[in-house]
Amino acid sequence: MQIFSGRGLARLAGSFVVGAVIGLVGTGIHRWMQPWGLIGALVLVLVGGVLGRAWTGSAGVLAVGLGVVTVTGLIGGGGPGGDVIIAAQPIGYLWFAGAIVVAGAAFLPRRWFSEAAALPRDADTDAP
């Protein structure tokens, strides 16, 4: 697939939006029922990375990661009254660093994302 075609750019933009939504939802749930909220948020980041990889390859993984990091960074800072959404505690630091989980999708085998049909099995060589 060509990245700089109209469809490729739309997929990249969609991957960024998916990452932004994941960053928003993950920030909201990372402190819920510790540690399960954080684990769920990190799994969501990994699933987003796999989706980005399936859509546009490595550029999609980068777009999802940028979306997660951008939104997490924007809403993770202090508010006007000094309130914070991501507290300076170990679970908050793990969530900030957790966007790196999306990079795990970049190391998955390329054939998992291939649109080529699998080779048919030979009935003569298959064991009963």
N, C-alpha and C. Protein backbone atom coordinates (compact mmCIF):
# COMPACT_ATOMS: atom_id res chain seq x y z
N MET A 1 0.83 -1.17 0.00
CA MET A 1 0.00 0.00 0.00
C MET A 1 0.88 1.25 0.00
N GLN A 2 0.50 2.23 -0.76
CA GLN A 2 1.23 3.48 -0.84
C GLN A 2 0.81 4.38 0.30
N ILE A 3 1.77 4.84 1.08
CA ILE A 3 1.47 5.68 2.25
C ILE A 3 0.98 7.06 1.82
N PHE A 4 1.51 7.61 0.73
CA PHE A 4 1.19 8.98 0.36
C PHE A 4 0.01 9.09 -0.60
N SER A 5 -0.73 8.03 -0.76
CA SER A 5 -1.97 8.12 -1.52
C SER A 5 -3.06 8.67 -0.59
N GLY A 6 -4.21 8.99 -1.15
CA GLY A 6 -5.30 9.50 -0.33
C GLY A 6 -5.74 8.51 0.72
N ARG A 7 -5.85 7.25 0.32
CA ARG A 7 -6.26 6.21 1.25
C ARG A 7 -5.20 5.98 2.34
N GLY A 8 -3.94 6.02 1.96
CA GLY A 8 -2.87 5.83 2.93
C GLY A 8 -2.82 6.93 3.98
N LEU A 9 -3.00 8.18 3.51
CA LEU A 9 -3.02 9.30 4.47
C LEU A 9 -4.24 9.24 5.37
N ALA A 10 -5.38 8.81 4.83
CA ALA A 10 -6.58 8.67 5.66
C ALA A 10 -6.38 7.58 6.72
N ARG A 11 -5.72 6.51 6.35
CA ARG A 11 -5.45 5.45 7.33
C ARG A 11 -4.49 5.92 8.40
N LEU A 12 -3.48 6.71 8.01
CA LEU A 12 -2.56 7.25 9.01
C LEU A 12 -3.30 8.20 9.96
N ALA A 13 -4.15 9.05 9.41
CA ALA A 13 -4.93 9.95 10.27
C ALA A 13 -5.86 9.16 11.18
N GLY A 14 -6.47 8.10 10.64
CA GLY A 14 -7.33 7.25 11.46
C GLY A 14 -6.55 6.55 12.56
N SER A 15 -5.33 6.13 12.26
CA SER A 15 -4.48 5.50 13.27
C SER A 15 -4.14 6.48 14.38
N PHE A 16 -3.87 7.74 14.00
CA PHE A 16 -3.59 8.76 15.01
C PHE A 16 -4.81 9.00 15.90
N VAL A 17 -5.99 9.07 15.29
CA VAL A 17 -7.21 9.28 16.07
C VAL A 17 -7.47 8.10 17.00
N VAL A 18 -7.24 6.88 16.51
CA VAL A 18 -7.38 5.70 17.37
C VAL A 18 -6.43 5.80 18.56
N GLY A 19 -5.19 6.21 18.31
CA GLY A 19 -4.23 6.39 19.39
C GLY A 19 -4.65 7.46 20.37
N ALA A 20 -5.24 8.55 19.86
CA ALA A 20 -5.70 9.62 20.74
C ALA A 20 -6.84 9.14 21.63
N VAL A 21 -7.77 8.39 21.07
CA VAL A 21 -8.88 7.85 21.87
C VAL A 21 -8.35 6.87 22.91
N ILE A 22 -7.40 6.04 22.52
CA ILE A 22 -6.80 5.09 23.47
C ILE A 22 -6.09 5.84 24.59
N GLY A 23 -5.39 6.92 24.25
CA GLY A 23 -4.74 7.73 25.28
C GLY A 23 -5.73 8.34 26.25
N LEU A 24 -6.85 8.80 25.73
CA LEU A 24 -7.90 9.39 26.58
C LEU A 24 -8.53 8.34 27.49
N VAL A 25 -8.92 7.21 26.90
CA VAL A 25 -9.56 6.15 27.69
C VAL A 25 -8.57 5.53 28.68
N GLY A 26 -7.35 5.29 28.22
CA GLY A 26 -6.33 4.71 29.09
C GLY A 26 -6.01 5.59 30.28
N THR A 27 -5.96 6.90 30.04
CA THR A 27 -5.71 7.83 31.15
C THR A 27 -6.86 7.79 32.14
N GLY A 28 -8.05 7.61 31.64
CA GLY A 28 -9.21 7.55 32.54
C GLY A 28 -9.28 6.28 33.36
N ILE A 29 -8.82 5.16 32.82
CA ILE A 29 -9.00 3.88 33.53
C ILE A 29 -7.73 3.34 34.17
N HIS A 30 -6.58 3.98 33.99
CA HIS A 30 -5.33 3.37 34.48
C HIS A 30 -5.29 3.25 36.00
N ARG A 31 -6.06 4.04 36.74
CA ARG A 31 -6.06 3.95 38.20
C ARG A 31 -7.23 3.15 38.76
N TRP A 32 -8.07 2.65 37.89
CA TRP A 32 -9.26 1.90 38.32
C TRP A 32 -8.84 0.50 38.75
N MET A 33 -9.28 0.03 39.89
CA MET A 33 -9.01 -1.31 40.42
C MET A 33 -7.56 -1.73 40.19
N GLN A 34 -6.66 -1.02 40.81
CA GLN A 34 -5.23 -1.27 40.61
C GLN A 34 -4.88 -2.72 40.88
N PRO A 35 -4.10 -3.37 40.10
CA PRO A 35 -3.40 -2.96 38.89
C PRO A 35 -4.18 -3.28 37.61
N TRP A 36 -5.40 -3.76 37.73
CA TRP A 36 -6.14 -4.24 36.55
C TRP A 36 -6.50 -3.13 35.58
N GLY A 37 -6.75 -1.95 36.07
CA GLY A 37 -7.03 -0.84 35.16
C GLY A 37 -5.82 -0.50 34.31
N LEU A 38 -4.64 -0.50 34.93
CA LEU A 38 -3.41 -0.23 34.19
C LEU A 38 -3.14 -1.33 33.18
N ILE A 39 -3.33 -2.57 33.59
CA ILE A 39 -3.11 -3.69 32.67
C ILE A 39 -4.08 -3.60 31.50
N GLY A 40 -5.34 -3.28 31.76
CA GLY A 40 -6.32 -3.13 30.69
C GLY A 40 -5.95 -1.99 29.75
N ALA A 41 -5.47 -0.88 30.31
CA ALA A 41 -5.08 0.26 29.48
C ALA A 41 -3.88 -0.09 28.60
N LEU A 42 -2.91 -0.82 29.15
CA LEU A 42 -1.74 -1.20 28.36
C LEU A 42 -2.10 -2.22 27.28
N VAL A 43 -3.03 -3.12 27.58
CA VAL A 43 -3.50 -4.07 26.55
C VAL A 43 -4.20 -3.30 25.44
N LEU A 44 -4.96 -2.29 25.81
CA LEU A 44 -5.63 -1.45 24.83
C LEU A 44 -4.62 -0.75 23.92
N VAL A 45 -3.52 -0.28 24.49
CA VAL A 45 -2.46 0.34 23.70
C VAL A 45 -1.85 -0.67 22.73
N LEU A 46 -1.60 -1.87 23.20
CA LEU A 46 -1.03 -2.91 22.32
C LEU A 46 -1.99 -3.26 21.20
N VAL A 47 -3.28 -3.39 21.50
CA VAL A 47 -4.28 -3.69 20.47
C VAL A 47 -4.33 -2.56 19.44
N GLY A 48 -4.23 -1.32 19.90
CA GLY A 48 -4.19 -0.19 18.97
C GLY A 48 -2.97 -0.25 18.07
N GLY A 49 -1.84 -0.66 18.62
CA GLY A 49 -0.63 -0.81 17.81
C GLY A 49 -0.77 -1.89 16.75
N VAL A 50 -1.41 -2.99 17.13
CA VAL A 50 -1.65 -4.07 16.16
C VAL A 50 -2.60 -3.59 15.07
N LEU A 51 -3.63 -2.83 15.45
CA LEU A 51 -4.55 -2.28 14.46
C LEU A 51 -3.83 -1.34 13.51
N GLY A 52 -2.99 -0.46 14.04
CA GLY A 52 -2.23 0.46 13.19
C GLY A 52 -1.29 -0.29 12.26
N ARG A 53 -0.67 -1.35 12.77
CA ARG A 53 0.23 -2.16 11.93
C ARG A 53 -0.55 -2.85 10.82
N ALA A 54 -1.73 -3.35 11.12
CA ALA A 54 -2.54 -4.03 10.11
C ALA A 54 -3.04 -3.05 9.04
N TRP A 55 -3.33 -1.82 9.44
CA TRP A 55 -3.84 -0.83 8.50
C TRP A 55 -2.76 -0.30 7.57
N THR A 56 -1.64 0.15 8.15
CA THR A 56 -0.64 0.87 7.33
C THR A 56 0.79 0.45 7.59
N GLY A 57 1.02 -0.62 8.29
CA GLY A 57 2.39 -1.07 8.53
C GLY A 57 3.03 -0.29 9.67
N SER A 58 4.33 -0.13 9.58
CA SER A 58 5.08 0.51 10.67
C SER A 58 4.69 1.97 10.86
N ALA A 59 4.29 2.64 9.79
CA ALA A 59 3.85 4.03 9.93
C ALA A 59 2.58 4.12 10.77
N GLY A 60 1.72 3.12 10.69
CA GLY A 60 0.51 3.09 11.50
C GLY A 60 0.82 2.91 12.98
N VAL A 61 1.84 2.09 13.28
CA VAL A 61 2.26 1.92 14.67
C VAL A 61 2.77 3.24 15.21
N LEU A 62 3.54 3.95 14.40
CA LEU A 62 4.05 5.26 14.81
C LEU A 62 2.91 6.25 15.03
N ALA A 63 1.92 6.24 14.14
CA ALA A 63 0.78 7.16 14.27
C ALA A 63 -0.02 6.87 15.54
N VAL A 64 -0.26 5.60 15.84
CA VAL A 64 -0.98 5.25 17.07
C VAL A 64 -0.18 5.69 18.29
N GLY A 65 1.11 5.42 18.27
CA GLY A 65 1.97 5.82 19.38
C GLY A 65 1.98 7.32 19.58
N LEU A 66 2.04 8.09 18.49
CA LEU A 66 2.00 9.55 18.60
C LEU A 66 0.67 10.03 19.16
N GLY A 67 -0.41 9.38 18.77
CA GLY A 67 -1.73 9.75 19.31
C GLY A 67 -1.81 9.51 20.80
N VAL A 68 -1.33 8.35 21.24
CA VAL A 68 -1.36 8.02 22.67
C VAL A 68 -0.49 8.99 23.46
N VAL A 69 0.73 9.22 22.99
CA VAL A 69 1.66 10.08 23.71
C VAL A 69 1.16 11.53 23.74
N THR A 70 0.61 12.01 22.63
CA THR A 70 0.12 13.39 22.57
C THR A 70 -1.00 13.62 23.57
N VAL A 71 -2.01 12.77 23.53
CA VAL A 71 -3.16 12.98 24.43
C VAL A 71 -2.77 12.75 25.88
N THR A 72 -1.98 11.73 26.15
CA THR A 72 -1.55 11.46 27.52
C THR A 72 -0.72 12.63 28.05
N GLY A 73 0.14 13.18 27.22
CA GLY A 73 0.95 14.32 27.64
C GLY A 73 0.12 15.57 27.87
N LEU A 74 -0.87 15.78 26.99
CA LEU A 74 -1.70 16.99 27.13
C LEU A 74 -2.58 16.95 28.37
N ILE A 75 -3.24 15.83 28.60
CA ILE A 75 -4.15 15.80 29.75
C ILE A 75 -3.47 15.32 31.02
N GLY A 76 -2.22 14.90 30.91
CA GLY A 76 -1.49 14.45 32.09
C GLY A 76 -0.83 15.57 32.86
N GLY A 77 -0.78 16.74 32.26
CA GLY A 77 -0.17 17.88 32.94
C GLY A 77 -1.11 18.46 33.99
N GLY A 78 -0.62 19.43 34.69
CA GLY A 78 -1.43 20.07 35.73
C GLY A 78 -2.53 20.93 35.16
N GLY A 79 -3.65 20.98 35.86
CA GLY A 79 -4.78 21.82 35.46
C GLY A 79 -4.62 23.24 35.99
N PRO A 80 -5.63 24.09 35.77
CA PRO A 80 -5.52 25.48 36.21
C PRO A 80 -5.44 25.64 37.72
N GLY A 81 -6.05 24.73 38.46
CA GLY A 81 -6.00 24.83 39.92
C GLY A 81 -4.91 23.97 40.53
N GLY A 82 -4.05 23.40 39.69
CA GLY A 82 -2.99 22.54 40.19
C GLY A 82 -3.38 21.07 40.27
N ASP A 83 -4.61 20.75 39.85
CA ASP A 83 -5.06 19.36 39.86
C ASP A 83 -4.37 18.59 38.74
N VAL A 84 -4.15 17.30 39.00
CA VAL A 84 -3.55 16.43 37.98
C VAL A 84 -4.42 15.20 37.79
N ILE A 85 -4.43 14.70 36.58
CA ILE A 85 -5.17 13.47 36.29
C ILE A 85 -4.27 12.26 36.47
N ILE A 86 -3.00 12.42 36.11
CA ILE A 86 -2.03 11.33 36.29
C ILE A 86 -1.11 11.75 37.43
N ALA A 87 -1.30 11.11 38.58
CA ALA A 87 -0.54 11.48 39.77
C ALA A 87 0.91 11.01 39.67
N ALA A 88 1.79 11.70 40.38
CA ALA A 88 3.20 11.36 40.41
C ALA A 88 3.42 10.20 41.36
N GLN A 89 2.90 9.05 40.98
CA GLN A 89 3.02 7.81 41.74
C GLN A 89 3.50 6.73 40.77
N PRO A 90 3.95 5.59 41.28
CA PRO A 90 4.45 4.55 40.37
C PRO A 90 3.45 4.15 39.28
N ILE A 91 2.16 4.07 39.61
CA ILE A 91 1.19 3.66 38.59
C ILE A 91 1.05 4.74 37.51
N GLY A 92 1.19 6.00 37.88
CA GLY A 92 1.17 7.09 36.90
C GLY A 92 2.39 7.06 35.99
N TYR A 93 3.56 6.80 36.58
CA TYR A 93 4.77 6.70 35.77
C TYR A 93 4.69 5.51 34.81
N LEU A 94 4.12 4.40 35.29
CA LEU A 94 3.97 3.24 34.41
C LEU A 94 3.03 3.55 33.25
N TRP A 95 1.98 4.32 33.50
CA TRP A 95 1.08 4.69 32.41
C TRP A 95 1.76 5.63 31.41
N PHE A 96 2.53 6.60 31.92
CA PHE A 96 3.25 7.48 31.01
C PHE A 96 4.22 6.69 30.14
N ALA A 97 4.94 5.76 30.72
CA ALA A 97 5.90 4.95 29.97
C ALA A 97 5.23 3.85 29.17
N GLY A 98 3.97 3.57 29.48
CA GLY A 98 3.28 2.45 28.83
C GLY A 98 3.00 2.63 27.36
N ALA A 99 3.09 3.86 26.87
CA ALA A 99 2.86 4.07 25.43
C ALA A 99 3.93 3.36 24.60
N ILE A 100 5.01 3.01 25.22
CA ILE A 100 6.07 2.27 24.52
C ILE A 100 5.57 0.87 24.16
N VAL A 101 4.54 0.39 24.86
CA VAL A 101 3.97 -0.94 24.56
C VAL A 101 3.52 -1.02 23.12
N VAL A 102 3.09 0.10 22.56
CA VAL A 102 2.63 0.11 21.18
C VAL A 102 3.75 -0.31 20.23
N ALA A 103 4.98 -0.07 20.62
CA ALA A 103 6.11 -0.46 19.78
C ALA A 103 6.23 -1.98 19.66
N GLY A 104 5.63 -2.71 20.60
CA GLY A 104 5.65 -4.18 20.51
C GLY A 104 5.00 -4.69 19.25
N ALA A 105 4.02 -3.97 18.74
CA ALA A 105 3.35 -4.38 17.50
C ALA A 105 4.29 -4.28 16.31
N ALA A 106 5.29 -3.44 16.39
CA ALA A 106 6.24 -3.30 15.28
C ALA A 106 7.13 -4.52 15.14
N PHE A 107 7.26 -5.30 16.19
CA PHE A 107 8.15 -6.45 16.15
C PHE A 107 7.43 -7.77 15.90
N LEU A 108 6.12 -7.72 15.68
CA LEU A 108 5.38 -8.94 15.36
C LEU A 108 5.70 -9.38 13.94
N PRO A 109 5.62 -10.67 13.65
CA PRO A 109 5.98 -11.16 12.31
C PRO A 109 5.13 -10.52 11.21
N ARG A 110 5.78 -10.19 10.11
CA ARG A 110 5.11 -9.53 8.99
C ARG A 110 4.02 -10.41 8.38
N ARG A 111 4.21 -11.72 8.41
CA ARG A 111 3.22 -12.61 7.78
C ARG A 111 1.88 -12.60 8.52
N TRP A 112 1.85 -12.18 9.78
CA TRP A 112 0.58 -12.08 10.50
C TRP A 112 -0.32 -11.01 9.90
N PHE A 113 0.30 -10.05 9.21
CA PHE A 113 -0.45 -8.93 8.65
C PHE A 113 -0.55 -9.01 7.13
N SER A 114 -0.14 -10.10 6.56
CA SER A 114 -0.15 -10.27 5.11
C SER A 114 -1.56 -10.57 4.62
N GLU A 115 -1.88 -10.06 3.44
CA GLU A 115 -3.17 -10.34 2.84
C GLU A 115 -3.10 -11.53 1.89
N ALA A 116 -1.94 -12.13 1.76
CA ALA A 116 -1.78 -13.29 0.89
C ALA A 116 -2.42 -14.51 1.54
N ALA A 117 -2.99 -15.35 0.72
CA ALA A 117 -3.64 -16.57 1.22
C ALA A 117 -2.58 -17.53 1.74
N ALA A 118 -2.95 -18.28 2.76
CA ALA A 118 -2.04 -19.28 3.30
C ALA A 118 -1.92 -20.42 2.30
N LEU A 119 -0.78 -21.10 2.32
CA LEU A 119 -0.57 -22.22 1.41
C LEU A 119 -1.47 -23.39 1.81
N PRO A 120 -2.07 -24.05 0.82
CA PRO A 120 -2.93 -25.20 1.18
C PRO A 120 -2.08 -26.36 1.69
N ARG A 121 -2.66 -27.12 2.57
CA ARG A 121 -1.96 -28.28 3.14
C ARG A 121 -2.03 -29.45 2.18
N ASP A 122 -0.97 -30.20 2.12
CA ASP A 122 -0.91 -31.39 1.26
C ASP A 122 -1.48 -32.57 2.02
N ALA A 123 -2.55 -33.17 1.49
CA ALA A 123 -3.23 -34.27 2.17
C ALA A 123 -2.36 -35.51 2.27
N ASP A 124 -1.39 -35.68 1.34
CA ASP A 124 -0.54 -36.87 1.37
C ASP A 124 0.49 -36.82 2.50
N THR A 125 0.93 -35.64 2.88
CA THR A 125 1.97 -35.55 3.91
C THR A 125 1.41 -35.31 5.30
N ASP A 126 0.12 -35.03 5.42
CA ASP A 126 -0.46 -34.78 6.73
C ASP A 126 -0.63 -36.10 7.48
N ALA A 127 -0.27 -36.08 8.73
CA ALA A 127 -0.45 -37.27 9.56
C ALA A 127 -1.92 -37.39 9.99
N PRO A 128 -2.43 -38.61 10.12
CA PRO A 128 -3.85 -38.76 10.52
C PRO A 128 -4.10 -38.34 11.93
